[in-house]
Protein backbone atom coordinates (compact mmCIF):
# COMPACT_ATOMS: atom_id res chain seq x y z
CA UNK A 1 -2.26 -32.17 147.03
CA UNK A 2 -4.16 -34.52 149.30
CA UNK A 3 -6.61 -36.95 147.74
CA UNK A 4 -10.28 -37.38 148.64
CA UNK A 5 -11.46 -39.97 151.12
CA UNK A 6 -13.12 -41.90 148.29
CA UNK A 7 -9.79 -42.10 146.43
CA UNK A 8 -7.99 -43.24 149.59
CA UNK A 9 -10.66 -45.87 150.29
CA UNK A 10 -9.86 -47.54 146.97
CA UNK A 11 -6.38 -48.30 148.39
CA UNK A 12 -7.45 -49.59 151.82
CA UNK A 13 -9.23 -52.84 152.58
CA UNK A 14 -11.48 -53.68 154.13
CA UNK A 15 -13.31 -50.41 154.71
CA UNK A 16 -16.83 -49.48 155.72
CA UNK A 17 -18.73 -46.32 154.81
CA UNK A 18 -18.24 -45.15 158.41
CA UNK A 19 -14.44 -45.19 157.95
CA UNK A 20 -14.40 -43.01 154.82
CA UNK A 21 -13.85 -39.37 155.73
CA UNK A 22 -13.76 -36.31 153.44
CA UNK A 23 -9.95 -36.44 153.18
CA UNK A 24 -8.96 -39.95 154.22
CA UNK A 25 -9.89 -43.28 155.74
CA UNK A 26 -10.00 -44.20 159.42
CA UNK A 27 -7.79 -47.13 160.40
CA UNK A 28 -9.01 -49.48 163.11
CA UNK A 29 -7.21 -51.26 165.92
CA UNK A 30 -6.34 -54.91 165.31
CA UNK A 31 -4.18 -55.43 168.38
CA UNK A 32 -1.65 -53.95 170.75
CA UNK A 33 1.88 -55.06 171.51
CA UNK A 34 4.43 -53.98 174.10
CA UNK A 35 8.15 -54.00 173.37
CA UNK A 36 9.95 -56.02 176.06
CA UNK A 37 13.53 -56.23 174.76
CA UNK A 38 15.84 -53.59 173.29
CA UNK A 39 16.05 -53.04 169.56
CA UNK A 40 19.04 -51.84 167.58
CA UNK A 41 19.29 -49.35 164.71
CA UNK A 42 22.76 -49.44 163.21
CA UNK A 43 24.51 -48.16 160.13
CA UNK A 44 24.24 -51.56 158.46
CA UNK A 45 20.80 -52.73 159.51
CA UNK A 46 18.22 -52.87 162.23
CA UNK A 47 16.73 -55.26 164.74
CA UNK A 48 13.27 -54.77 166.20
CA UNK A 49 13.10 -55.52 169.92
CA UNK A 50 11.10 -58.52 171.09
CA UNK A 51 7.41 -57.80 171.64
CA UNK A 52 4.54 -59.37 173.50
CA UNK A 53 0.85 -59.00 172.79
CA UNK A 54 -1.29 -57.10 175.27
CA UNK A 55 -4.28 -59.19 176.32
CA UNK A 56 -7.77 -57.91 175.59
CA UNK A 57 -10.69 -58.74 177.89
CA UNK A 58 -13.60 -59.58 175.58
CA UNK A 59 -12.04 -57.42 172.85
CA UNK A 60 -11.27 -54.49 175.16
CA UNK A 61 -7.75 -53.30 175.97
CA UNK A 62 -7.17 -51.64 179.34
CA UNK A 63 -3.95 -49.67 179.02
CA UNK A 64 -1.89 -48.09 181.78
CA UNK A 65 0.22 -45.03 180.91
CA UNK A 66 3.15 -46.04 178.74
CA UNK A 67 4.21 -46.82 175.19
CA UNK A 68 2.59 -49.47 173.00
CA UNK A 69 2.61 -50.59 169.37
CA UNK A 70 -0.86 -50.30 167.83
CA UNK A 71 -1.40 -52.69 164.91
CA UNK A 72 -3.88 -51.57 162.25
CA UNK A 73 -6.48 -54.00 160.90
CA UNK A 74 -6.58 -52.73 157.31
CA UNK A 75 -4.27 -53.49 154.41
CA UNK A 76 -2.93 -50.30 152.84
CA UNK A 77 -1.48 -49.98 149.34
CA UNK A 78 0.32 -46.77 148.40
CA UNK A 79 -0.20 -46.14 144.67
CA UNK A 80 2.38 -44.74 142.26
CA UNK A 81 2.66 -40.98 142.44
CA UNK A 82 1.60 -40.84 146.10
CA UNK A 83 2.87 -40.87 149.68
CA UNK A 84 0.85 -41.92 152.73
CA UNK A 85 0.56 -40.29 156.13
CA UNK A 86 -1.24 -41.45 159.28
CA UNK A 87 -2.45 -39.12 162.04
CA UNK A 88 -4.24 -39.89 165.29
CA UNK A 89 -7.96 -39.36 165.50
CA UNK A 90 -8.77 -36.46 167.77
CA UNK A 91 -10.48 -38.77 170.28
CA UNK A 92 -7.03 -40.16 171.16
CA UNK A 93 -5.61 -36.68 171.81
CA UNK A 94 -8.66 -35.73 173.85
CA UNK A 95 -7.91 -38.77 176.04
CA UNK A 96 -4.26 -37.79 176.68
CA UNK A 97 -2.90 -40.16 174.03
CA UNK A 98 -0.85 -39.74 170.87
CA UNK A 99 -0.14 -41.95 167.88
CA UNK A 100 3.20 -41.52 166.10
CA UNK A 101 3.87 -42.97 162.67
CA UNK A 102 6.32 -42.81 159.79
CA UNK A 103 5.96 -41.85 156.12
CA UNK A 104 4.57 -44.61 153.90
CA UNK A 105 6.35 -44.54 150.53
CA UNK A 106 4.87 -45.22 147.10
CA UNK A 107 4.70 -48.97 146.53
CA UNK A 108 4.31 -49.95 150.21
CA UNK A 109 1.73 -52.63 150.89
CA UNK A 110 0.89 -54.05 154.30
CA UNK A 111 -0.86 -53.73 157.62
CA UNK A 112 1.14 -51.04 159.34
CA UNK A 113 1.52 -50.01 162.93
CA UNK A 114 2.07 -46.91 165.03
CA UNK A 115 3.53 -45.97 168.39
CA UNK A 116 0.65 -45.42 170.80
CA UNK A 117 1.65 -43.16 173.70
CA UNK A 118 -0.83 -43.40 176.57
CA UNK A 119 -0.63 -40.47 178.99
CA UNK A 120 -3.56 -41.51 181.18
CA UNK A 121 -5.34 -44.84 181.61
CA UNK A 122 -7.23 -45.73 178.45
CA UNK A 123 -9.85 -48.32 177.59
CA UNK A 124 -10.02 -49.01 173.85
CA UNK A 125 -11.89 -51.70 171.93
CA UNK A 126 -10.47 -53.89 169.20
CA UNK A 127 -11.92 -52.49 165.97
CA UNK A 128 -12.09 -48.90 167.27
CA UNK A 129 -11.12 -46.19 164.80
CA UNK A 130 -7.83 -44.75 166.12
CA UNK A 131 -6.09 -43.16 163.12
CA UNK A 132 -6.79 -41.42 159.84
CA UNK A 133 -4.81 -42.40 156.73
CA UNK A 134 -4.37 -39.85 153.94
CA UNK A 135 -2.67 -39.90 150.55
CA UNK A 136 -0.89 -36.98 148.93
CA UNK A 137 0.49 -36.74 145.42
CA UNK A 138 4.28 -37.00 145.33
CA UNK A 139 7.10 -37.39 142.85
CA UNK A 140 9.39 -40.37 143.36
CA UNK A 141 12.22 -42.13 141.52
CA UNK A 142 11.49 -45.65 142.77
CA UNK A 143 8.90 -47.49 144.82
CA UNK A 144 9.27 -49.00 148.28
CA UNK A 145 10.93 -52.42 148.45
CA UNK A 146 12.16 -52.46 152.05
CA UNK A 147 12.00 -54.99 154.86
CA UNK A 148 8.46 -53.98 155.89
CA UNK A 149 6.97 -54.62 152.46
CA UNK A 150 3.89 -56.85 152.83
CA UNK A 151 4.12 -56.75 156.64
CA UNK A 152 1.51 -58.86 158.43
CA UNK A 153 -0.09 -60.02 155.17
């Protein structure tokens, strides 16, 4: 079962009333990176490819079609008995863009990120609401203690 937006808001900070939705909380854009070197995902570990920040003119990003890493501004904490999911806000889809993310396990804490696919030129402001974060109840044996724990905190 998915939790209410008010419940989710208690696990996201900072939030404003405008970000709290009936079933989740909108996440805002902190910054955008572009991967410039290859990464590696092996059987015994991983290496994230080198990235560079995309410059913003007066807080506005002007993005050509391509793939970017969108960094969220809010700190998210996944409580026991829950799993987190992030979906794009419909305004991204309606502008030929998509945001891909991964499952956020119970116990995760950090400022996450998502893969922003831009299909047509896009102008987006820092602080714009680009994603919606939801929590669902879930059984689990352990809590997250991986390499992304406390990322960007």
